Amino acid sequence: MLRRLTLLSAGLVVAAGMGSPAFAYMVYVSNEKDNTVTVVDSTTMQVVRTIDVGQRPRGITISHDGKFIYLCASDDDTIEIIDTATSEIVGTLPSGPDPELFVLSPDGQTLYVANEDDNLVTVIDLESKSVAMEVPVGVEPEGMGISPDGKSLVNTSETTNMAHFIDTETHEITDNILVDARPRFAEFKPDNSEVWVSAEIGGTVSVIDNASREVKHKITFEIPGLRAEAIQPVGVRITADGKKAYVALGPANRVAVVNAETYEVEKYVLVGQRVWQLAFTPDQKTIISTNGVSNDITFIDVATDEAVQSVTVGALPWGVVVSPN
């Protein structure tokens, strides 16, 4: 079990001992079971507040200016808007039934939502707070990723086992790529060259070439002492320089550290139980995992790839996002 440390590692403190305090980012965690969002200070690694929200909160993201949280209240069939200054719910967005995950466009004007129950991706215009388009996709859509240039959207459908590439201008599907069983997440490389799609039941991450739209490599995972079926990739995050990737491995209770250039797994970081999603702090010095069964999040030092501290949050933490400033 991960030891709960009381001191930050040197890699998480900015100019320690030199009079320059570490910069605090706020970490927002959606807790699926108790209908809350927990706010954690990234420097002190302590809970600063708890926000009551709608039913079964899962997907969570933040506006590019850091002023608003967008939250999938899945069982309420809506997306809630939370003012980060007041921690109050200040509005809702129409989402379609059972919104689970979404992604914000690079220009911050459009939210793309996976609606698991009706096999649609809902396109929401944030200025008008209205539905601009609905795109039919495969069965049980979940994973959502958008290219850095904002031109391509990828949705993964869990039952169809496909990654659907959608042109964001025409809202038409341009490519359907077969991946392994139960794809859960899609993440573009920062240089736009690849899309990484995790397959929870298949136990792999498919690396898709964004030019040819073909699977160029499959990353597999082996952990001594664990059965293969216990290793279930879900959340994926890639560093801004494109050199390193992190993959949440579900009930394996570990985050895999992958060389994003060679696709070799370099390390497994032990975190809490049933790790779901991941988020970097904006300075990319830290990556944070949500651990659903142990009801905590884990801070991982990106420089050393060591787990630094776990923090208890709400019941069944699912999604995580960090303030941009």
Protein backbone atom coordinates (compact mmCIF):
# COMPACT_ATOMS: atom_id res chain seq x y z
CA MET A 1 0.00 0.00 0.00
CA LEU A 2 1.24 3.48 -0.83
CA ARG A 3 2.73 5.14 2.22
CA ARG A 4 1.12 8.50 2.91
CA LEU A 5 4.00 10.93 3.08
CA THR A 6 3.81 14.15 5.03
CA LEU A 7 6.57 16.03 3.22
CA LEU A 8 6.74 17.07 -0.40
CA SER A 9 9.57 15.78 -2.49
CA ALA A 10 12.16 18.29 -3.62
CA GLY A 11 10.86 18.02 -7.15
CA LEU A 12 7.48 19.46 -6.12
CA VAL A 13 8.80 22.52 -4.34
CA VAL A 14 9.85 25.53 -6.34
CA ALA A 15 13.12 27.12 -5.17
CA ALA A 16 12.89 25.47 -1.77
CA GLY A 17 14.78 27.37 0.86
CA MET A 18 15.37 30.32 -1.45
CA GLY A 19 12.40 32.42 -0.45
CA SER A 20 10.29 31.67 -3.55
CA PRO A 21 7.06 29.87 -2.67
CA ALA A 22 5.70 27.07 -4.80
CA PHE A 23 2.82 28.12 -7.04
CA ALA A 24 -0.48 26.60 -6.02
CA TYR A 25 -2.85 25.19 -8.61
CA MET A 26 -6.32 24.08 -7.63
CA VAL A 27 -7.13 20.43 -8.34
CA TYR A 28 -10.80 19.59 -8.98
CA VAL A 29 -11.94 15.97 -8.51
CA SER A 30 -15.39 14.62 -9.44
CA ASN A 31 -16.66 12.05 -6.94
CA GLU A 32 -19.11 9.74 -8.67
CA LYS A 33 -20.77 8.19 -5.63
CA ASP A 34 -21.38 11.08 -3.23
CA ASN A 35 -22.19 13.76 -5.83
CA THR A 36 -19.44 16.19 -4.94
CA VAL A 37 -16.39 17.89 -6.37
CA THR A 38 -13.38 18.02 -4.05
CA VAL A 39 -10.97 20.96 -4.40
CA VAL A 40 -7.37 20.28 -3.40
CA ASP A 41 -4.48 22.78 -3.15
CA SER A 42 -1.65 21.36 -5.26
CA THR A 43 1.09 22.85 -3.07
CA THR A 44 -0.14 21.89 0.39
CA MET A 45 -1.87 18.78 -0.99
CA GLN A 46 -4.79 19.41 1.33
CA VAL A 47 -8.54 19.59 0.68
CA VAL A 48 -9.69 23.20 0.71
CA ARG A 49 -13.38 22.76 -0.07
CA THR A 50 -16.10 20.37 -1.18
CA ILE A 51 -18.79 21.39 -3.67
CA ASP A 52 -22.18 19.66 -3.82
CA VAL A 53 -23.14 18.93 -7.43
CA GLY A 54 -25.57 16.87 -9.49
CA GLN A 55 -25.98 13.13 -9.63
CA ARG A 56 -23.11 10.85 -10.65
CA PRO A 57 -20.48 13.43 -11.63
CA ARG A 58 -17.81 12.01 -13.94
CA GLY A 59 -16.20 13.98 -16.77
CA ILE A 60 -14.74 17.30 -15.62
CA THR A 61 -12.82 20.06 -17.38
CA ILE A 62 -12.09 23.76 -16.98
CA SER A 63 -12.31 26.81 -19.22
CA HIS A 64 -9.00 27.98 -20.61
CA ASP A 65 -9.10 31.14 -18.46
CA GLY A 66 -9.77 29.06 -15.33
CA LYS A 67 -13.03 30.83 -14.49
CA PHE A 68 -15.47 27.95 -14.97
CA ILE A 69 -15.57 24.23 -14.32
CA TYR A 70 -17.68 22.11 -16.68
CA LEU A 71 -18.97 18.91 -15.08
CA CYS A 72 -20.88 15.93 -16.48
CA ALA A 73 -23.75 15.24 -14.08
CA SER A 74 -24.43 11.94 -15.81
CA ASP A 75 -27.60 10.83 -14.03
CA ASP A 76 -29.12 14.31 -14.37
CA ASP A 77 -28.47 14.31 -18.13
CA THR A 78 -26.84 17.71 -17.97
CA ILE A 79 -23.55 19.56 -17.73
CA GLU A 80 -23.15 21.89 -14.79
CA ILE A 81 -21.15 25.12 -14.88
CA ILE A 82 -19.30 25.97 -11.66
CA ASP A 83 -17.81 29.40 -10.97
CA THR A 84 -14.31 28.72 -9.63
CA ALA A 85 -14.24 32.01 -7.71
CA THR A 86 -17.38 31.26 -5.70
CA SER A 87 -17.64 27.46 -6.02
CA GLU A 88 -21.30 27.96 -6.94
CA ILE A 89 -23.21 26.27 -9.78
CA VAL A 90 -24.07 29.17 -12.07
CA GLY A 91 -25.69 27.38 -14.99
CA THR A 92 -26.17 24.22 -17.02
CA LEU A 93 -25.60 23.11 -20.58
CA PRO A 94 -27.80 20.78 -22.65
CA SER A 95 -25.90 17.54 -23.12
CA GLY A 96 -28.17 14.71 -24.15
CA PRO A 97 -28.63 11.59 -21.99
CA ASP A 98 -25.85 10.27 -19.76
CA PRO A 99 -22.92 12.57 -20.57
CA GLU A 100 -19.76 10.78 -19.45
CA LEU A 101 -16.70 12.43 -20.94
CA PHE A 102 -16.10 15.55 -22.98
CA VAL A 103 -13.33 17.67 -24.42
CA LEU A 104 -12.99 21.44 -24.83
CA SER A 105 -11.87 22.86 -28.17
CA PRO A 106 -8.47 24.63 -28.28
CA ASP A 107 -10.21 27.98 -28.85
CA GLY A 108 -12.42 27.39 -25.80
CA GLN A 109 -15.65 27.99 -27.71
CA THR A 110 -16.99 24.46 -28.16
CA LEU A 111 -17.56 21.49 -25.88
CA TYR A 112 -17.75 18.01 -27.43
CA VAL A 113 -19.69 15.55 -25.26
CA ALA A 114 -19.99 11.76 -25.39
CA ASN A 115 -23.55 10.68 -24.63
CA GLU A 116 -23.30 7.03 -23.68
CA ASP A 117 -26.99 6.16 -23.77
CA ASP A 118 -27.94 7.46 -27.23
CA ASN A 119 -24.75 6.84 -29.23
CA LEU A 120 -24.18 10.49 -30.03
CA VAL A 121 -21.49 13.11 -29.70
CA THR A 122 -23.18 16.38 -28.76
CA VAL A 123 -21.52 19.60 -29.95
CA ILE A 124 -22.24 22.50 -27.59
CA ASP A 125 -21.65 26.15 -28.44
CA LEU A 126 -20.51 27.69 -25.16
CA GLU A 127 -21.35 31.29 -26.07
CA SER A 128 -25.01 30.54 -26.77
CA LYS A 129 -25.13 27.56 -24.37
CA SER A 130 -26.96 25.59 -27.04
CA VAL A 131 -26.54 22.37 -29.02
CA ALA A 132 -24.92 23.13 -32.37
CA MET A 133 -24.90 19.56 -33.72
CA GLU A 134 -25.33 15.91 -32.82
CA VAL A 135 -23.03 13.38 -34.45
CA PRO A 136 -24.10 9.69 -34.52
CA VAL A 137 -21.22 7.40 -33.51
CA GLY A 138 -20.79 3.81 -32.30
CA VAL A 139 -22.39 2.07 -29.35
CA GLU A 140 -21.60 3.47 -25.88
CA PRO A 141 -19.41 6.44 -26.79
CA GLU A 142 -17.02 7.51 -24.04
CA GLY A 143 -13.46 8.60 -24.80
CA MET A 144 -13.03 12.08 -26.30
CA GLY A 145 -9.86 13.64 -27.65
CA ILE A 146 -9.23 16.68 -29.83
CA SER A 147 -6.22 17.50 -31.98
CA PRO A 148 -4.01 20.42 -30.91
CA ASP A 149 -4.98 22.27 -34.10
CA GLY A 150 -8.65 21.73 -33.32
CA LYS A 151 -9.41 20.18 -36.71
CA SER A 152 -10.04 16.58 -35.67
CA LEU A 153 -12.05 15.04 -32.88
CA VAL A 154 -11.78 11.41 -31.78
CA ASN A 155 -14.56 9.55 -29.99
CA THR A 156 -14.17 5.98 -28.76
CA SER A 157 -17.19 3.68 -28.64
CA GLU A 158 -16.91 1.02 -25.96
CA THR A 159 -19.12 -1.64 -27.53
CA THR A 160 -18.25 -1.02 -31.19
CA ASN A 161 -14.54 -1.07 -30.25
CA MET A 162 -13.73 1.80 -32.57
CA ALA A 163 -12.07 5.19 -32.61
CA HIS A 164 -14.18 7.55 -34.72
CA PHE A 165 -12.36 10.50 -36.32
CA ILE A 166 -14.68 13.48 -36.76
CA ASP A 167 -13.95 16.61 -38.81
CA THR A 168 -14.79 19.52 -36.49
CA GLU A 169 -15.76 21.79 -39.40
CA THR A 170 -18.18 19.46 -41.16
CA HIS A 171 -19.03 17.28 -38.13
CA GLU A 172 -18.70 14.25 -40.40
CA ILE A 173 -16.93 11.01 -39.46
CA THR A 174 -13.90 10.68 -41.73
CA ASP A 175 -12.40 7.44 -40.38
CA ASN A 176 -13.40 4.50 -38.20
CA ILE A 177 -10.45 2.67 -36.69
CA LEU A 178 -10.90 -0.73 -35.04
CA VAL A 179 -9.06 -1.00 -31.71
CA ASP A 180 -9.13 -3.52 -28.87
CA ALA A 181 -12.06 -4.24 -26.54
CA ARG A 182 -13.75 -1.44 -24.62
CA PRO A 183 -11.83 1.69 -25.62
CA ARG A 184 -12.10 4.27 -22.85
CA PHE A 185 -9.89 7.26 -23.65
CA ALA A 186 -8.28 9.11 -26.57
CA GLU A 187 -5.28 11.43 -26.31
CA PHE A 188 -3.53 13.26 -29.14
CA LYS A 189 0.22 13.74 -29.07
CA PRO A 190 1.07 17.45 -28.74
CA ASP A 191 2.65 17.53 -32.22
CA ASN A 192 -0.61 16.20 -33.74
CA SER A 193 1.16 13.12 -35.12
CA GLU A 194 -0.56 10.35 -33.14
CA VAL A 195 -3.67 9.44 -31.17
CA TRP A 196 -3.34 7.05 -28.23
CA VAL A 197 -6.48 5.02 -27.48
CA SER A 198 -6.72 2.90 -24.33
CA ALA A 199 -8.67 -0.38 -24.36
CA GLU A 200 -9.82 -1.37 -20.88
CA ILE A 201 -10.73 -5.01 -21.57
CA GLY A 202 -8.21 -5.48 -24.37
CA GLY A 203 -5.46 -4.38 -22.00
CA THR A 204 -3.66 -2.29 -24.62
CA VAL A 205 -3.08 1.23 -25.87
CA SER A 206 -3.37 1.56 -29.66
CA VAL A 207 -1.11 4.20 -31.19
CA ILE A 208 -2.85 5.55 -34.29
CA ASP A 209 -0.94 7.50 -36.94
CA ASN A 210 -2.92 10.69 -37.46
CA ALA A 211 -1.87 11.04 -41.10
CA SER A 212 -2.56 7.49 -42.33
CA ARG A 213 -5.26 6.78 -39.71
CA GLU A 214 -3.80 3.34 -39.13
CA VAL A 215 -2.74 1.62 -35.91
CA LYS A 216 1.07 1.79 -35.99
CA HIS A 217 1.79 0.16 -32.63
CA LYS A 218 0.07 -1.50 -29.68
CA ILE A 219 1.44 -0.98 -26.19
CA THR A 220 0.98 -3.87 -23.78
CA PHE A 221 1.55 -4.11 -20.05
CA GLU A 222 2.92 -6.84 -17.80
CA ILE A 223 3.13 -6.57 -14.03
CA PRO A 224 4.68 -9.46 -12.07
CA GLY A 225 2.15 -11.08 -9.75
CA LEU A 226 -0.92 -9.66 -11.50
CA ARG A 227 -3.22 -11.49 -13.86
CA ALA A 228 -3.49 -9.94 -17.32
CA GLU A 229 -7.22 -9.28 -16.87
CA ALA A 230 -6.47 -7.07 -13.84
CA ILE A 231 -4.48 -4.66 -16.03
CA GLN A 232 -7.09 -2.36 -17.57
CA PRO A 233 -5.86 0.84 -19.25
CA VAL A 234 -8.14 3.85 -18.93
CA GLY A 235 -6.83 7.43 -18.67
CA VAL A 236 -3.86 8.54 -20.81
CA ARG A 237 -1.78 11.72 -20.66
CA ILE A 238 1.28 12.70 -22.73
CA THR A 239 3.84 15.33 -21.74
CA ALA A 240 4.02 18.56 -23.74
CA ASP A 241 7.37 17.58 -25.25
CA GLY A 242 5.86 14.33 -26.50
CA LYS A 243 8.54 12.21 -24.85
CA LYS A 244 6.68 10.52 -22.01
CA ALA A 245 3.18 9.15 -21.47
CA TYR A 246 1.25 8.05 -18.40
CA VAL A 247 -1.45 5.38 -18.51
CA ALA A 248 -3.88 4.64 -15.66
CA LEU A 249 -4.24 0.87 -15.29
CA GLY A 250 -7.53 0.51 -13.37
CA PRO A 251 -7.63 -2.38 -10.86
CA ALA A 252 -3.88 -2.93 -11.31
CA ASN A 253 -3.60 0.08 -8.95
CA ARG A 254 -0.72 1.48 -10.96
CA VAL A 255 0.14 4.18 -13.44
CA ALA A 256 2.40 3.05 -16.28
CA VAL A 257 5.18 5.38 -17.40
CA VAL A 258 5.78 4.90 -21.13
CA ASN A 259 8.52 6.21 -23.39
CA ALA A 260 6.33 7.95 -25.97
CA GLU A 261 9.04 7.72 -28.64
CA THR A 262 9.93 4.02 -28.33
CA TYR A 263 6.59 2.88 -26.80
CA GLU A 264 8.45 0.94 -24.10
CA VAL A 265 6.98 0.78 -20.60
CA GLU A 266 9.68 2.16 -18.32
CA LYS A 267 8.03 1.97 -14.92
CA TYR A 268 4.88 1.19 -12.97
CA VAL A 269 3.97 3.63 -10.20
CA LEU A 270 1.90 2.16 -7.37
CA VAL A 271 -0.98 4.48 -6.46
CA GLY A 272 -4.42 3.90 -4.88
CA GLN A 273 -7.02 1.33 -5.78
CA ARG A 274 -8.78 1.32 -9.16
CA VAL A 275 -7.01 4.22 -10.85
CA TRP A 276 -9.23 5.94 -13.41
CA GLN A 277 -8.15 9.30 -14.79
CA LEU A 278 -5.06 11.52 -14.85
CA ALA A 279 -4.25 15.22 -15.07
CA PHE A 280 -1.04 17.24 -15.19
CA THR A 281 -0.47 20.47 -13.34
CA PRO A 282 0.15 23.22 -15.94
CA ASP A 283 3.88 23.27 -15.20
CA GLN A 284 3.90 19.50 -15.82
CA LYS A 285 5.95 18.89 -12.69
CA THR A 286 3.18 16.75 -11.24
CA ILE A 287 0.59 14.31 -12.56
CA ILE A 288 -2.42 13.37 -10.44
CA SER A 289 -4.40 10.12 -10.52
CA THR A 290 -7.94 9.45 -9.29
CA ASN A 291 -8.23 6.19 -7.37
CA GLY A 292 -11.88 5.18 -7.26
CA VAL A 293 -11.99 2.34 -4.76
CA SER A 294 -9.59 3.84 -2.21
CA ASN A 295 -11.38 7.22 -2.42
CA ASP A 296 -8.20 9.22 -2.90
CA ILE A 297 -5.96 10.91 -5.44
CA THR A 298 -2.21 10.44 -5.78
CA PHE A 299 0.36 13.11 -6.66
CA ILE A 300 3.23 11.76 -8.79
CA ASP A 301 6.49 13.68 -9.31
CA VAL A 302 7.07 13.76 -13.09
CA ALA A 303 10.84 14.26 -12.73
CA THR A 304 11.34 11.10 -10.66
CA ASP A 305 8.14 9.19 -11.48
CA GLU A 306 7.64 8.56 -7.78
CA ALA A 307 4.34 8.72 -5.92
CA VAL A 308 4.68 11.58 -3.45
CA GLN A 309 1.43 11.71 -1.51
CA SER A 310 -2.17 10.49 -1.55
CA VAL A 311 -5.05 12.71 -0.43
CA THR A 312 -8.47 11.43 0.64
CA VAL A 313 -11.29 13.04 -1.36
CA GLY A 314 -14.95 12.03 -1.82
CA ALA A 315 -16.55 8.69 -2.60
CA LEU A 316 -15.47 7.03 -5.85
CA PRO A 317 -13.31 9.77 -7.38
CA TRP A 318 -13.54 9.57 -11.18
CA GLY A 319 -12.35 12.66 -13.07
CA VAL A 320 -9.71 15.28 -12.36
CA VAL A 321 -8.73 18.63 -13.82
CA VAL A 322 -6.26 21.28 -12.66
CA SER A 323 -6.66 25.07 -12.85
CA PRO A 324 -4.56 26.70 -15.61
CA ASN A 325 -3.36 29.52 -13.33
